[in-house]
PDB file of N, CA and C in Angstrom:
ATOM      1  N   VAL A   1       2.427 101.079  53.940  1.00  0.00           N
ATOM      2  CA  VAL A   1       3.177 100.847  52.712  1.00  0.00           C
ATOM      3  C   VAL A   1       3.524 102.213  52.106  1.00  0.00           C
ATOM      4  N   PRO A   2       4.806 102.432  51.835  1.00  0.00           N
ATOM      5  CA  PRO A   2       5.190 103.737  51.274  1.00  0.00           C
ATOM      6  C   PRO A   2       4.783 103.880  49.807  1.00  0.00           C
ATOM      7  N   GLU A   3       4.837 105.124  49.320  1.00  0.00           N
ATOM      8  CA  GLU A   3       4.600 105.384  47.912  1.00  0.00           C
ATOM      9  C   GLU A   3       5.636 104.592  47.105  1.00  0.00           C
ATOM     10  N   ASN A   4       5.252 104.021  45.978  1.00  0.00           N
ATOM     11  CA  ASN A   4       6.077 103.174  45.103  1.00  0.00           C
ATOM     12  C   ASN A   4       6.434 101.852  45.768  1.00  0.00           C
ATOM     13  N   GLY A   5       5.631 101.431  46.754  1.00  0.00           N
ATOM     14  CA  GLY A   5       5.813 100.150  47.423  1.00  0.00           C
ATOM     15  C   GLY A   5       4.567  99.308  47.277  1.00  0.00           C
ATOM     16  N   PHE A   6       4.673  98.039  47.689  1.00  0.00           N
ATOM     17  CA  PHE A   6       3.528  97.134  47.654  1.00  0.00           C
ATOM     18  C   PHE A   6       3.671  96.128  48.782  1.00  0.00           C
ATOM     19  N   LEU A   7       2.530  95.592  49.218  1.00  0.00           N
ATOM     20  CA  LEU A   7       2.517  94.593  50.281  1.00  0.00           C
ATOM     21  C   LEU A   7       3.096  93.284  49.781  1.00  0.00           C
ATOM     22  N   THR A   8       3.761  92.561  50.682  1.00  0.00           N
ATOM     23  CA  THR A   8       4.265  91.226  50.359  1.00  0.00           C
ATOM     24  C   THR A   8       3.643  90.229  51.324  1.00  0.00           C
ATOM     25  N   ALA A   9       3.721  88.984  50.997  1.00  0.00           N
ATOM     26  CA  ALA A   9       3.175  87.932  51.851  1.00  0.00           C
ATOM     27  C   ALA A   9       4.258  87.345  52.753  1.00  0.00           C
ATOM     28  N   ALA A  10       5.425  87.991  52.797  1.00  0.00           N
ATOM     29  CA  ALA A  10       6.533  87.479  53.603  1.00  0.00           C
ATOM     30  C   ALA A  10       6.161  87.530  55.087  1.00  0.00           C
ATOM     31  N   PRO A  11       6.383  86.411  55.813  1.00  0.00           N
ATOM     32  CA  PRO A  11       6.036  86.382  57.237  1.00  0.00           C
ATOM     33  C   PRO A  11       6.996  87.193  58.111  1.00  0.00           C
ATOM     34  N   THR A  12       8.172  87.558  57.570  1.00  0.00           N
ATOM     35  CA  THR A  12       9.139  88.361  58.323  1.00  0.00           C
ATOM     36  C   THR A  12       9.509  89.599  57.524  1.00  0.00           C
ATOM     37  N   GLY A  13      10.168  90.530  58.168  1.00  0.00           N
ATOM     38  CA  GLY A  13      10.602  91.750  57.486  1.00  0.00           C
ATOM     39  C   GLY A  13       9.560  92.843  57.586  1.00  0.00           C
ATOM     40  N   ARG A  14       9.619  93.776  56.674  1.00  0.00           N
ATOM     41  CA  ARG A  14       8.742  94.953  56.688  1.00  0.00           C
ATOM     42  C   ARG A  14       7.295  94.631  56.345  1.00  0.00           C
ATOM     43  N   GLY A  15       7.122  93.615  55.503  1.00  0.00           N
ATOM     44  CA  GLY A  15       5.782  93.317  55.001  1.00  0.00           C
ATOM     45  C   GLY A  15       5.491  94.052  53.702  1.00  0.00           C
ATOM     46  N   TRP A  16       6.475  94.762  53.190  1.00  0.00           N
ATOM     47  CA  TRP A  16       6.332  95.445  51.908  1.00  0.00           C
ATOM     48  C   TRP A  16       7.666  95.463  51.175  1.00  0.00           C
ATOM     49  N   SER A  17       7.595  95.668  49.867  1.00  0.00           N
ATOM     50  CA  SER A  17       8.770  95.816  49.004  1.00  0.00           C
ATOM     51  C   SER A  17       8.547  97.015  48.108  1.00  0.00           C
ATOM     52  N   CYS A  18       9.603  97.423  47.441  1.00  0.00           N
ATOM     53  CA  CYS A  18       9.525  98.554  46.521  1.00  0.00           C
ATOM     54  C   CYS A  18       9.329  98.062  45.091  1.00  0.00           C
ATOM     55  N   GLU A  19       8.658  98.880  44.302  1.00  0.00           N
ATOM     56  CA  GLU A  19       8.468  98.583  42.888  1.00  0.00           C
ATOM     57  C   GLU A  19       9.819  98.623  42.170  1.00  0.00           C
ATOM     58  N   ARG A  20       9.853  98.028  40.986  1.00  0.00           N
ATOM     59  CA  ARG A  20      11.072  98.040  40.175  1.00  0.00           C
ATOM     60  C   ARG A  20      11.498  99.488  39.942  1.00  0.00           C
ATOM     61  N   GLY A  21      12.779  99.745  40.090  1.00  0.00           N
ATOM     62  CA  GLY A  21      13.305 101.091  39.902  1.00  0.00           C
ATOM     63  C   GLY A  21      13.404 101.880  41.198  1.00  0.00           C
ATOM     64  N   PHE A  22      13.005 101.229  42.305  1.00  0.00           N
ATOM     65  CA  PHE A  22      13.070 101.874  43.614  1.00  0.00           C
ATOM     66  C   PHE A  22      13.726 100.916  44.596  1.00  0.00           C
ATOM     67  N   ARG A  23      14.294 101.464  45.663  1.00  0.00           N
ATOM     68  CA  ARG A  23      14.911 100.645  46.698  1.00  0.00           C
ATOM     69  C   ARG A  23      14.446 101.143  48.060  1.00  0.00           C
ATOM     70  N   PRO A  24      14.359 100.207  49.034  1.00  0.00           N
ATOM     71  CA  PRO A  24      13.948 100.639  50.379  1.00  0.00           C
ATOM     72  C   PRO A  24      15.067 101.413  51.072  1.00  0.00           C
ATOM     73  N   VAL A  25      14.727 102.579  51.600  1.00  0.00           N
ATOM     74  CA  VAL A  25      15.634 103.398  52.394  1.00  0.00           C
ATOM     75  C   VAL A  25      14.815 103.870  53.583  1.00  0.00           C
ATOM     76  N   GLY A  26      15.091 103.283  54.742  1.00  0.00           N
ATOM     77  CA  GLY A  26      14.279 103.582  55.917  1.00  0.00           C
ATOM     78  C   GLY A  26      12.856 103.109  55.681  1.00  0.00           C
ATOM     79  N   ASP A  27      11.898 104.018  55.834  1.00  0.00           N
ATOM     80  CA  ASP A  27      10.488 103.683  55.628  1.00  0.00           C
ATOM     81  C   ASP A  27       9.977 104.168  54.282  1.00  0.00           C
ATOM     82  N   GLU A  28      10.879 104.411  53.326  1.00  0.00           N
ATOM     83  CA  GLU A  28      10.494 104.931  52.014  1.00  0.00           C
ATOM     84  C   GLU A  28      11.029 104.044  50.902  1.00  0.00           C
ATOM     85  N   CYS A  29      10.483 104.268  49.708  1.00  0.00           N
ATOM     86  CA  CYS A  29      11.022 103.678  48.484  1.00  0.00           C
ATOM     87  C   CYS A  29      11.607 104.823  47.681  1.00  0.00           C
ATOM     88  N   GLN A  30      12.930 104.843  47.547  1.00  0.00           N
ATOM     89  CA  GLN A  30      13.605 105.913  46.805  1.00  0.00           C
ATOM     90  C   GLN A  30      13.974 105.421  45.412  1.00  0.00           C
ATOM     91  N   ALA A  31      13.851 106.316  44.444  1.00  0.00           N
ATOM     92  CA  ALA A  31      14.174 105.987  43.051  1.00  0.00           C
ATOM     93  C   ALA A  31      15.655 105.673  42.909  1.00  0.00           C
ATOM     94  N   ILE A  32      15.955 104.676  42.102  1.00  0.00           N
ATOM     95  CA  ILE A  32      17.350 104.339  41.773  1.00  0.00           C
ATOM     96  C   ILE A  32      17.742 105.215  40.591  1.00  0.00           C
ATOM     97  N   ALA A  33      18.753 106.041  40.773  1.00  0.00           N
ATOM     98  CA  ALA A  33      19.223 106.929  39.700  1.00  0.00           C
ATOM     99  C   ALA A  33      20.056 106.107  38.719  1.00  0.00           C
ATOM    100  N   THR A  34      19.519 105.902  37.529  1.00  0.00           N
ATOM    101  CA  THR A  34      20.209 105.123  36.504  1.00  0.00           C
ATOM    102  C   THR A  34      20.884 106.084  35.532  1.00  0.00           C
ATOM    103  N   PRO A  35      22.197 105.982  35.359  1.00  0.00           N
ATOM    104  CA  PRO A  35      22.901 106.917  34.469  1.00  0.00           C
ATOM    105  C   PRO A  35      22.642 106.634  32.990  1.00  0.00           C
ATOM    106  N   ALA A  36      23.007 107.585  32.150  1.00  0.00           N
ATOM    107  CA  ALA A  36      22.959 107.371  30.698  1.00  0.00           C
ATOM    108  C   ALA A  36      23.797 106.146  30.370  1.00  0.00           C
ATOM    109  N   ASN A  37      23.339 105.331  29.445  1.00  0.00           N
ATOM    110  CA  ASN A  37      23.992 104.087  29.013  1.00  0.00           C
ATOM    111  C   ASN A  37      23.987 103.032  30.108  1.00  0.00           C
ATOM    112  N   GLY A  38      23.072 103.166  31.055  1.00  0.00           N
ATOM    113  CA  GLY A  38      22.899 102.185  32.118  1.00  0.00           C
ATOM    114  C   GLY A  38      21.486 101.631  32.085  1.00  0.00           C
ATOM    115  N   TYR A  39      21.254 100.553  32.825  1.00  0.00           N
ATOM    116  CA  TYR A  39      19.925  99.953  32.917  1.00  0.00           C
ATOM    117  C   TYR A  39      19.732  99.391  34.317  1.00  0.00           C
ATOM    118  N   LEU A  40      18.475  99.284  34.729  1.00  0.00           N
ATOM    119  CA  LEU A  40      18.156  98.720  36.038  1.00  0.00           C
ATOM    120  C   LEU A  40      18.469  97.235  36.055  1.00  0.00           C
ATOM    121  N   THR A  41      18.950  96.754  37.182  1.00  0.00           N
ATOM    122  CA  THR A  41      19.173  95.318  37.354  1.00  0.00           C
ATOM    123  C   THR A  41      18.028  94.757  38.185  1.00  0.00           C
ATOM    124  N   ASN A  42      18.003  93.467  38.354  1.00  0.00           N
ATOM    125  CA  ASN A  42      16.932  92.823  39.116  1.00  0.00           C
ATOM    126  C   ASN A  42      17.216  92.786  40.603  1.00  0.00           C
ATOM    127  N   THR A  43      18.123  93.578  41.064  1.00  0.00           N
ATOM    128  CA  THR A  43      18.441  93.628  42.478  1.00  0.00           C
ATOM    129  C   THR A  43      18.511  95.074  42.946  1.00  0.00           C
ATOM    130  N   THR A  44      18.144  95.293  44.172  1.00  0.00           N
ATOM    131  CA  THR A  44      18.253  96.645  44.739  1.00  0.00           C
ATOM    132  C   THR A  44      19.509  96.765  45.587  1.00  0.00           C
ATOM    133  N   SER A  45      20.272  95.659  45.717  1.00  0.00           N
ATOM    134  CA  SER A  45      21.533  95.747  46.454  1.00  0.00           C
ATOM    135  C   SER A  45      22.593  96.343  45.533  1.00  0.00           C
ATOM    136  N   GLY A  46      23.623  96.889  46.119  1.00  0.00           N
ATOM    137  CA  GLY A  46      24.645  97.553  45.317  1.00  0.00           C
ATOM    138  C   GLY A  46      24.071  98.803  44.688  1.00  0.00           C
ATOM    139  N   LYS A  47      24.427  99.051  43.438  1.00  0.00           N
ATOM    140  CA  LYS A  47      23.945 100.250  42.750  1.00  0.00           C
ATOM    141  C   LYS A  47      22.504 100.101  42.283  1.00  0.00           C
ATOM    142  N   GLY A  48      22.103  98.871  41.977  1.00  0.00           N
ATOM    143  CA  GLY A  48      20.766  98.647  41.429  1.00  0.00           C
ATOM    144  C   GLY A  48      20.720  98.863  39.924  1.00  0.00           C
ATOM    145  N   TRP A  49      21.875  99.118  39.324  1.00  0.00           N
ATOM    146  CA  TRP A  49      21.984  99.313  37.886  1.00  0.00           C
ATOM    147  C   TRP A  49      23.321  98.782  37.395  1.00  0.00           C
ATOM    148  N   ALA A  50      23.400  98.574  36.087  1.00  0.00           N
ATOM    149  CA  ALA A  50      24.627  98.134  35.425  1.00  0.00           C
ATOM    150  C   ALA A  50      24.752  98.911  34.115  1.00  0.00           C
ATOM    151  N   CYS A  51      25.906  98.831  33.501  1.00  0.00           N
ATOM    152  CA  CYS A  51      26.155  99.555  32.248  1.00  0.00           C
ATOM    153  C   CYS A  51      25.934  98.646  31.043  1.00  0.00           C
ATOM    154  N   GLU A  52      25.506  99.264  29.958  1.00  0.00           N
ATOM    155  CA  GLU A  52      25.356  98.552  28.694  1.00  0.00           C
ATOM    156  C   GLU A  52      26.725  98.104  28.200  1.00  0.00           C
ATOM    157  N   ARG A  53      26.733  97.137  27.277  1.00  0.00           N
ATOM    158  CA  ARG A  53      27.986  96.655  26.687  1.00  0.00           C
ATOM    159  C   ARG A  53      28.719  97.830  26.046  1.00  0.00           C
ATOM    160  N   GLY A  54      30.006  97.908  26.278  1.00  0.00           N
ATOM    161  CA  GLY A  54      30.820  98.977  25.724  1.00  0.00           C
ATOM    162  C   GLY A  54      30.998 100.145  26.686  1.00  0.00           C
ATOM    163  N   TYR A  55      30.406 100.005  27.889  1.00  0.00           N
ATOM    164  CA  TYR A  55      30.523 101.044  28.911  1.00  0.00           C
ATOM    165  C   TYR A  55      30.939 100.401  30.217  1.00  0.00           C
ATOM    166  N   GLN A  56      31.591 101.161  31.075  1.00  0.00           N
ATOM    167  CA  GLN A  56      32.077 100.652  32.346  1.00  0.00           C
ATOM    168  C   GLN A  56      31.600 101.573  33.467  1.00  0.00           C
ATOM    169  N   ALA A  57      31.157 100.959  34.563  1.00  0.00           N
ATOM    170  CA  ALA A  57      30.590 101.713  35.676  1.00  0.00           C
ATOM    171  C   ALA A  57      31.654 102.407  36.512  1.00  0.00           C
ATOM    172  N   THR A  58      31.370 103.670  36.844  1.00  0.00           N
ATOM    173  CA  THR A  58      32.095 104.382  37.885  1.00  0.00           C
ATOM    174  C   THR A  58      31.086 104.501  39.030  1.00  0.00           C
ATOM    175  N   ASP A  59      31.312 105.348  39.986  1.00  0.00           N
ATOM    176  CA  ASP A  59      30.370 105.471  41.101  1.00  0.00           C
ATOM    177  C   ASP A  59      28.978 105.900  40.657  1.00  0.00           C
ATOM    178  N   THR A  60      28.902 106.828  39.721  1.00  0.00           N
ATOM    179  CA  THR A  60      27.601 107.383  39.350  1.00  0.00           C
ATOM    180  C   THR A  60      27.360 107.444  37.845  1.00  0.00           C
ATOM    181  N   ALA A  61      28.239 106.886  37.025  1.00  0.00           N
ATOM    182  CA  ALA A  61      28.103 107.019  35.574  1.00  0.00           C
ATOM    183  C   ALA A  61      28.550 105.752  34.853  1.00  0.00           C
ATOM    184  N   CYS A  62      28.227 105.704  33.575  1.00  0.00           N
ATOM    185  CA  CYS A  62      28.712 104.652  32.682  1.00  0.00           C
ATOM    186  C   CYS A  62      29.613 105.327  31.658  1.00  0.00           C
ATOM    187  N   ASP A  63      30.916 105.084  31.758  1.00  0.00           N
ATOM    188  CA  ASP A  63      31.887 105.691  30.850  1.00  0.00           C
ATOM    189  C   ASP A  63      32.144 104.767  29.665  1.00  0.00           C
ATOM    190  N   LYS A  64      32.256 105.355  28.479  1.00  0.00           N
ATOM    191  CA  LYS A  64      32.530 104.587  27.268  1.00  0.00           C
ATOM    192  C   LYS A  64      33.913 103.947  27.366  1.00  0.00           C
ATOM    193  N   ILE A  65      34.007 102.680  27.003  1.00  0.00           N
ATOM    194  CA  ILE A  65      35.296 101.983  26.951  1.00  0.00           C
ATOM    195  C   ILE A  65      35.923 102.298  25.600  1.00  0.00           C
ATOM    196  N   GLU A  66      37.101 102.880  25.626  1.00  0.00           N
ATOM    197  CA  GLU A  66      37.812 103.213  24.391  1.00  0.00           C
ATOM    198  C   GLU A  66      38.661 102.007  23.991  1.00  0.00           C
ATOM    199  N   VAL A  67      38.251 101.327  22.938  1.00  0.00           N
ATOM    200  CA  VAL A  67      38.953 100.130  22.470  1.00  0.00           C
ATOM    201  C   VAL A  67      39.952 100.539  21.397  1.00  0.00           C
ATOM    202  N   PRO A  68      41.234 100.211  21.581  1.00  0.00           N
ATOM    203  CA  PRO A  68      42.230 100.595  20.571  1.00  0.00           C
ATOM    204  C   PRO A  68      42.123  99.748  19.306  1.00  0.00           C
ATOM    205  N   MET A  69      42.770 100.211  18.253  1.00  0.00           N
ATOM    206  CA  MET A  69      42.835  99.429  17.024  1.00  0.00           C
ATOM    207  C   MET A  69      43.469  98.077  17.351  1.00  0.00           C
ATOM    208  N   ASN A  70      42.963  97.010  16.763  1.00  0.00           N
ATOM    209  CA  ASN A  70      43.408  95.630  16.984  1.00  0.00           C
ATOM    210  C   ASN A  70      43.036  95.134  18.387  1.00  0.00           C
ATOM    211  N   GLY A  71      42.026  95.757  18.983  1.00  0.00           N
ATOM    212  CA  GLY A  71      41.504  95.322  20.268  1.00  0.00           C
ATOM    213  C   GLY A  71      40.030  94.978  20.138  1.00  0.00           C
ATOM    214  N   TYR A  72      39.458  94.394  21.190  1.00  0.00           N
ATOM    215  CA  TYR A  72      38.040  94.045  21.194  1.00  0.00           C
ATOM    216  C   TYR A  72      37.509  94.114  22.624  1.00  0.00           C
ATOM    217  N   LEU A  73      36.206  94.329  22.754  1.00  0.00           N
ATOM    218  CA  LEU A  73      35.564  94.364  24.063  1.00  0.00           C
ATOM    219  C   LEU A  73      35.581  92.980  24.691  1.00  0.00           C
ATOM    220  N   ILE A  74      35.757  92.934  26.006  1.00  0.00           N
ATOM    221  CA  ILE A  74      35.648  91.675  26.730  1.00  0.00           C
ATOM    222  C   ILE A  74      34.538  91.823  27.766  1.00  0.00           C
ATOM    223  N   GLY A  75      33.928  90.737  28.130  1.00  0.00           N
ATOM    224  CA  GLY A  75      32.800  90.754  29.057  1.00  0.00           C
ATOM    225  C   GLY A  75      33.230  90.779  30.507  1.00  0.00           C
ATOM    226  N   THR A  76      33.766  91.875  30.946  1.00  0.00           N
ATOM    227  CA  THR A  76      34.155  92.015  32.339  1.00  0.00           C
ATOM    228  C   THR A  76      33.767  93.395  32.831  1.00  0.00           C
ATOM    229  N   SER A  77      33.428  93.468  34.099  1.00  0.00           N
ATOM    230  CA  SER A  77      33.028  94.757  34.649  1.00  0.00           C
ATOM    231  C   SER A  77      34.184  95.462  35.355  1.00  0.00           C
ATOM    232  N   SER A  78      35.340  94.856  35.335  1.00  0.00           N
ATOM    233  CA  SER A  78      36.500  95.487  35.959  1.00  0.00           C
ATOM    234  C   SER A  78      37.669  95.497  34.977  1.00  0.00           C
ATOM    235  N   GLY A  79      38.706  96.220  35.326  1.00  0.00           N
ATOM    236  CA  GLY A  79      39.869  96.314  34.445  1.00  0.00           C
ATOM    237  C   GLY A  79      39.613  97.251  33.288  1.00  0.00           C
ATOM    238  N   ARG A  80      40.318  97.038  32.180  1.00  0.00           N
ATOM    239  CA  ARG A  80      40.214  97.915  31.011  1.00  0.00           C
ATOM    240  C   ARG A  80      38.892  97.743  30.271  1.00  0.00           C
ATOM    241  N   GLY A  81      38.393  96.509  30.239  1.00  0.00           N
ATOM    242  CA  GLY A  81      37.180  96.221  29.471  1.00  0.00           C
ATOM    243  C   GLY A  81      37.472  95.819  28.035  1.00  0.00           C
ATOM    244  N   TRP A  82      38.752  95.704  27.680  1.00  0.00           N
ATOM    245  CA  TRP A  82      39.144  95.286  26.340  1.00  0.00           C
ATOM    246  C   TRP A  82      40.417  94.450  26.413  1.00  0.00           C
ATOM    247  N   ALA A  83      40.664  93.726  25.339  1.00  0.00           N
ATOM    248  CA  ALA A  83      41.884  92.920  25.202  1.00  0.00           C
ATOM    249  C   ALA A  83      42.370  93.062  23.765  1.00  0.00           C
ATOM    250  N   CYS A  84      43.606  92.679  23.538  1.00  0.00           N
ATOM    251  CA  CYS A  84      44.183  92.738  22.190  1.00  0.00           C
ATOM    252  C   CYS A  84      43.894  91.442  21.436  1.00  0.00           C
ATOM    253  N   GLU A  85      43.743  91.571  20.121  1.00  0.00           N
ATOM    254  CA  GLU A  85      43.555  90.405  19.266  1.00  0.00           C
ATOM    255  C   GLU A  85      44.814  89.532  19.300  1.00  0.00           C
ATOM    256  N   ARG A  86      44.650  88.296  18.893  1.00  0.00           N
ATOM    257  CA  ARG A  86      45.779  87.368  18.808  1.00  0.00           C
ATOM    258  C   ARG A  86      46.824  87.956  17.858  1.00  0.00           C
ATOM    259  N   GLY A  87      48.075  87.901  18.262  1.00  0.00           N
ATOM    260  CA  GLY A  87      49.160  88.446  17.454  1.00  0.00           C
ATOM    261  C   GLY A  87      49.527  89.871  17.850  1.00  0.00           C
ATOM    262  N   PHE A  88      48.846  90.378  18.891  1.00  0.00           N
ATOM    263  CA  PHE A  88      49.116  91.717  19.401  1.00  0.00           C
ATOM    264  C   PHE A  88      49.273  91.640  20.902  1.00  0.00           C
ATOM    265  N   ARG A  89      50.016  92.581  21.481  1.00  0.00           N
ATOM    266  CA  ARG A  89      50.189  92.617  22.925  1.00  0.00           C
ATOM    267  C   ARG A  89      49.794  93.993  23.450  1.00  0.00           C
ATOM    268  N   THR A  90      49.346  94.026  24.693  1.00  0.00           N
ATOM    269  CA  THR A  90      48.925  95.276  25.313  1.00  0.00           C
ATOM    270  C   THR A  90      50.140  96.103  25.712  1.00  0.00           C
ATOM    271  N   GLU A  91      50.133  97.351  25.319  1.00  0.00           N
ATOM    272  CA  GLU A  91      51.166  98.311  25.708  1.00  0.00           C
ATOM    273  C   GLU A  91      50.442  99.591  26.083  1.00  0.00           C
ATOM    274  N   GLN A  92      50.267  99.816  27.393  1.00  0.00           N
ATOM    275  CA  GLN A  92      49.481 100.932  27.936  1.00  0.00           C
ATOM    276  C   GLN A  92      48.069 100.884  27.365  1.00  0.00           C
ATOM    277  N   GLN A  93      47.673 101.842  26.552  1.00  0.00           N
ATOM    278  CA  GLN A  93      46.310 101.876  26.004  1.00  0.00           C
ATOM    279  C   GLN A  93      46.260 101.506  24.524  1.00  0.00           C
ATOM    280  N   THR A  94      47.259 100.737  24.051  1.00  0.00           N
ATOM    281  CA  THR A  94      47.309 100.343  22.645  1.00  0.00           C
ATOM    282  C   THR A  94      47.565  98.845  22.523  1.00  0.00           C
ATOM    283  N   CYS A  95      47.415  98.362  21.305  1.00  0.00           N
ATOM    284  CA  CYS A  95      47.744  96.972  20.974  1.00  0.00           C
ATOM    285  C   CYS A  95      48.857  97.006  19.929  1.00  0.00           C
ATOM    286  N   LEU A  96      50.018  96.484  20.293  1.00  0.00           N
ATOM    287  CA  LEU A  96      51.172  96.468  19.391  1.00  0.00           C
ATOM    288  C   LEU A  96      51.330  95.087  18.773  1.00  0.00           C
ATOM    289  N   ALA A  97      51.675  95.057  17.489  1.00  0.00           N
ATOM    290  CA  ALA A  97      51.889  93.789  16.783  1.00  0.00           C
ATOM    291  C   ALA A  97      53.099  93.070  17.365  1.00  0.00           C
ATOM    292  N   ILE A  98      52.989  91.757  17.477  1.00  0.00           N
ATOM    293  CA  ILE A  98      54.104  90.929  17.930  1.00  0.00           C
ATOM    294  C   ILE A  98      55.052  90.760  16.741  1.00  0.00           C
ATOM    295  N   ASP A  99      56.315  91.068  16.944  1.00  0.00           N
ATOM    296  CA  ASP A  99      57.329  90.913  15.909  1.00  0.00           C
ATOM    297  C   ASP A  99      57.940  89.519  16.073  1.00  0.00           C
ATOM    298  N   LEU A 100      57.544  88.601  15.193  1.00  0.00           N
ATOM    299  CA  LEU A 100      58.026  87.220  15.293  1.00  0.00           C
ATOM    300  C   LEU A 100      59.391  87.069  14.626  1.00  0.00           C
ATOM    301  N   PRO A 101      60.377  86.638  15.389  1.00  0.00           N
ATOM    302  CA  PRO A 101      61.683  86.365  14.756  1.00  0.00           C
ATOM    303  C   PRO A 101      61.608  85.069  13.948  1.00  0.00           C
ATOM    304  N   GLU A 102      62.611  84.844  13.146  1.00  0.00           N
ATOM    305  CA  GLU A 102      62.691  83.605  12.361  1.00  0.00           C
ATOM    306  C   GLU A 102      62.695  82.405  13.312  1.00  0.00           C
ATOM    307  N   HIS A 103      62.001  81.341  12.943  1.00  0.00           N
ATOM    308  CA  HIS A 103      61.896  80.082  13.690  1.00  0.00           C
ATOM    309  C   HIS A 103      61.045  80.232  14.963  1.00  0.00           C
ATOM    310  N   ALA A 104      60.147  81.215  14.980  1.00  0.00           N
ATOM    311  CA  ALA A 104      59.285  81.429  16.149  1.00  0.00           C
ATOM    312  C   ALA A 104      57.821  81.334  15.746  1.00  0.00           C
ATOM    313  N   HIS A 105      56.972  81.135  16.731  1.00  0.00           N
ATOM    314  CA  HIS A 105      55.516  81.097  16.529  1.00  0.00           C
ATOM    315  C   HIS A 105      54.854  81.811  17.715  1.00  0.00           C
ATOM    316  N   LEU A 106      53.601  82.206  17.533  1.00  0.00           N
ATOM    317  CA  LEU A 106      52.882  82.850  18.629  1.00  0.00           C
ATOM    318  C   LEU A 106      52.704  81.875  19.782  1.00  0.00           C
ATOM    319  N   ASN A 107      52.774  82.381  20.996  1.00  0.00           N
ATOM    320  CA  ASN A 107      52.539  81.515  22.152  1.00  0.00           C
ATOM    321  C   ASN A 107      51.045  81.177  22.236  1.00  0.00           C
ATOM    322  N   GLN A 108      50.683  80.349  23.196  1.00  0.00           N
ATOM    323  CA  GLN A 108      49.307  79.862  23.300  1.00  0.00           C
ATOM    324  C   GLN A 108      48.307  81.003  23.494  1.00  0.00           C
ATOM    325  N   ARG A 109      48.657  82.012  24.280  1.00  0.00           N
ATOM    326  CA  ARG A 109      47.754  83.148  24.499  1.00  0.00           C
ATOM    327  C   ARG A 109      47.717  84.085  23.303  1.00  0.00           C
ATOM    328  N   GLY A 110      48.726  84.040  22.459  1.00  0.00           N
ATOM    329  CA  GLY A 110      48.764  84.891  21.279  1.00  0.00           C
ATOM    330  C   GLY A 110      49.294  86.280  21.540  1.00  0.00           C
ATOM    331  N   ASP A 111      49.880  86.504  22.726  1.00  0.00           N
ATOM    332  CA  ASP A 111      50.378  87.844  23.059  1.00  0.00           C
ATOM    333  C   ASP A 111      51.894  87.880  23.218  1.00  0.00           C
ATOM    334  N   GLY A 112      52.559  86.860  22.723  1.00  0.00           N
ATOM    335  CA  GLY A 112      54.017  86.762  22.785  1.00  0.00           C
ATOM    336  C   GLY A 112      54.461  85.665  21.823  1.00  0.00           C
ATOM    337  N   TRP A 113      55.725  85.265  21.917  1.00  0.00           N
ATOM    338  CA  TRP A 113      56.213  84.228  21.011  1.00  0.00           C
ATOM    339  C   TRP A 113      57.103  83.231  21.729  1.00  0.00           C
ATOM    340  N   SER A 114      57.204  82.062  21.102  1.00  0.00           N
ATOM    341  CA  SER A 114      58.079  80.981  21.560  1.00  0.00           C
ATOM    342  C   SER A 114      58.831  80.470  20.344  1.00  0.00           C
ATOM    343  N   CYS A 115      59.951  79.840  20.593  1.00  0.00           N
ATOM    344  CA  CYS A 115      60.753  79.291  19.501  1.00  0.00           C
ATOM    345  C   CYS A 115      60.275  77.886  19.151  1.00  0.00           C
ATOM    346  N   SER A 116      60.335  77.580  17.862  1.00  0.00           N
ATOM    347  CA  SER A 116      60.009  76.229  17.401  1.00  0.00           C
ATOM    348  C   SER A 116      61.215  75.336  17.643  1.00  0.00           C
ATOM    349  N   ARG A 117      60.982  74.073  17.956  1.00  0.00           N
ATOM    350  CA  ARG A 117      62.072  73.128  18.205  1.00  0.00           C
ATOM    351  C   ARG A 117      62.881  72.910  16.954  1.00  0.00           C
ATOM    352  N   PRO A 118      64.139  72.753  17.000  1.00  0.00           N
ATOM    353  CA  PRO A 118      65.032  72.608  18.138  1.00  0.00           C
ATOM    354  C   PRO A 118      65.621  73.941  18.598  1.00  0.00           C
ATOM    355  N   PHE A 119      65.001  75.044  18.217  1.00  0.00           N
ATOM    356  CA  PHE A 119      65.513  76.362  18.585  1.00  0.00           C
ATOM    357  C   PHE A 119      65.079  76.738  19.998  1.00  0.00           C
ATOM    358  N   VAL A 120      65.865  77.621  20.632  1.00  0.00           N
ATOM    359  CA  VAL A 120      65.538  78.128  21.965  1.00  0.00           C
ATOM    360  C   VAL A 120      65.602  79.654  21.920  1.00  0.00           C
ATOM    361  N   LYS A 121      64.963  80.262  22.888  1.00  0.00           N
ATOM    362  CA  LYS A 121      64.871  81.712  22.921  1.00  0.00           C
ATOM    363  C   LYS A 121      66.215  82.328  23.302  1.00  0.00           C
ATOM    364  N   GLY A 122      66.684  83.239  22.445  1.00  0.00           N
ATOM    365  CA  GLY A 122      67.856  84.059  22.769  1.00  0.00           C
ATOM    366  C   GLY A 122      67.334  85.378  23.301  1.00  0.00           C
ATOM    367  N   GLU A 123      68.081  86.444  23.167  1.00  0.00           N
ATOM    368  CA  GLU A 123      67.627  87.737  23.680  1.00  0.00           C
ATOM    369  C   GLU A 123      66.414  88.245  22.909  1.00  0.00           C
ATOM    370  N   ALA A 124      66.498  88.290  21.585  1.00  0.00           N
ATOM    371  CA  ALA A 124      65.378  88.777  20.782  1.00  0.00           C
ATOM    372  C   ALA A 124      65.148  87.907  19.566  1.00  0.00           C
ATOM    373  N   ASN A 125      65.695  86.683  19.612  1.00  0.00           N
ATOM    374  CA  ASN A 125      65.554  85.786  18.472  1.00  0.00           C
ATOM    375  C   ASN A 125      65.604  84.336  18.940  1.00  0.00           C
ATOM    376  N   CYS A 126      65.538  83.438  17.972  1.00  0.00           N
ATOM    377  CA  CYS A 126      65.629  82.003  18.251  1.00  0.00           C
ATOM    378  C   CYS A 126      66.978  81.482  17.766  1.00  0.00           C
ATOM    379  N   VAL A 127      67.659  80.754  18.638  1.00  0.00           N
ATOM    380  CA  VAL A 127      68.973  80.218  18.292  1.00  0.00           C
ATOM    381  C   VAL A 127      68.926  78.695  18.405  1.00  0.00           C
ATOM    382  N   ILE A 128      69.785  78.047  17.663  1.00  0.00           N
ATOM    383  CA  ILE A 128      69.829  76.580  17.681  1.00  0.00           C
ATOM    384  C   ILE A 128      70.357  76.102  19.024  1.00  0.00           C
ATOM    385  N   LYS A 129      69.771  75.066  19.518  1.00  0.00           N
ATOM    386  CA  LYS A 129      70.144  74.530  20.833  1.00  0.00           C
ATOM    387  C   LYS A 129      71.425  73.750  20.758  1.00  0.00           C
TER     388      LYS A 129
END
């Protein structure tokens, strides 16, 4: 049994596992390097760590997610890590207010607009059908 390891009762495999914070590499238990703003996970597969809320994992670090004004954090480990509030739309790294023309309302997602009946969408406004 290597240092930072312990015996297991498993009938197959090595017969030992590594303590929390370590992973098996060959015949050793190597420490899992956890970056700042990261924490150990309950698995030694993959990185063996995840980032705290408000941070996003790169190969070796947890980078702060910069949330723009009128935005909020979303629970995803991929993509931007933020979304715009209802009534705003994403434009690069910002959230822009939706400019509602007369006779229009926010669409179901809240990031665009639709015309109220009996109006239909023109180029940038609502026109009577």
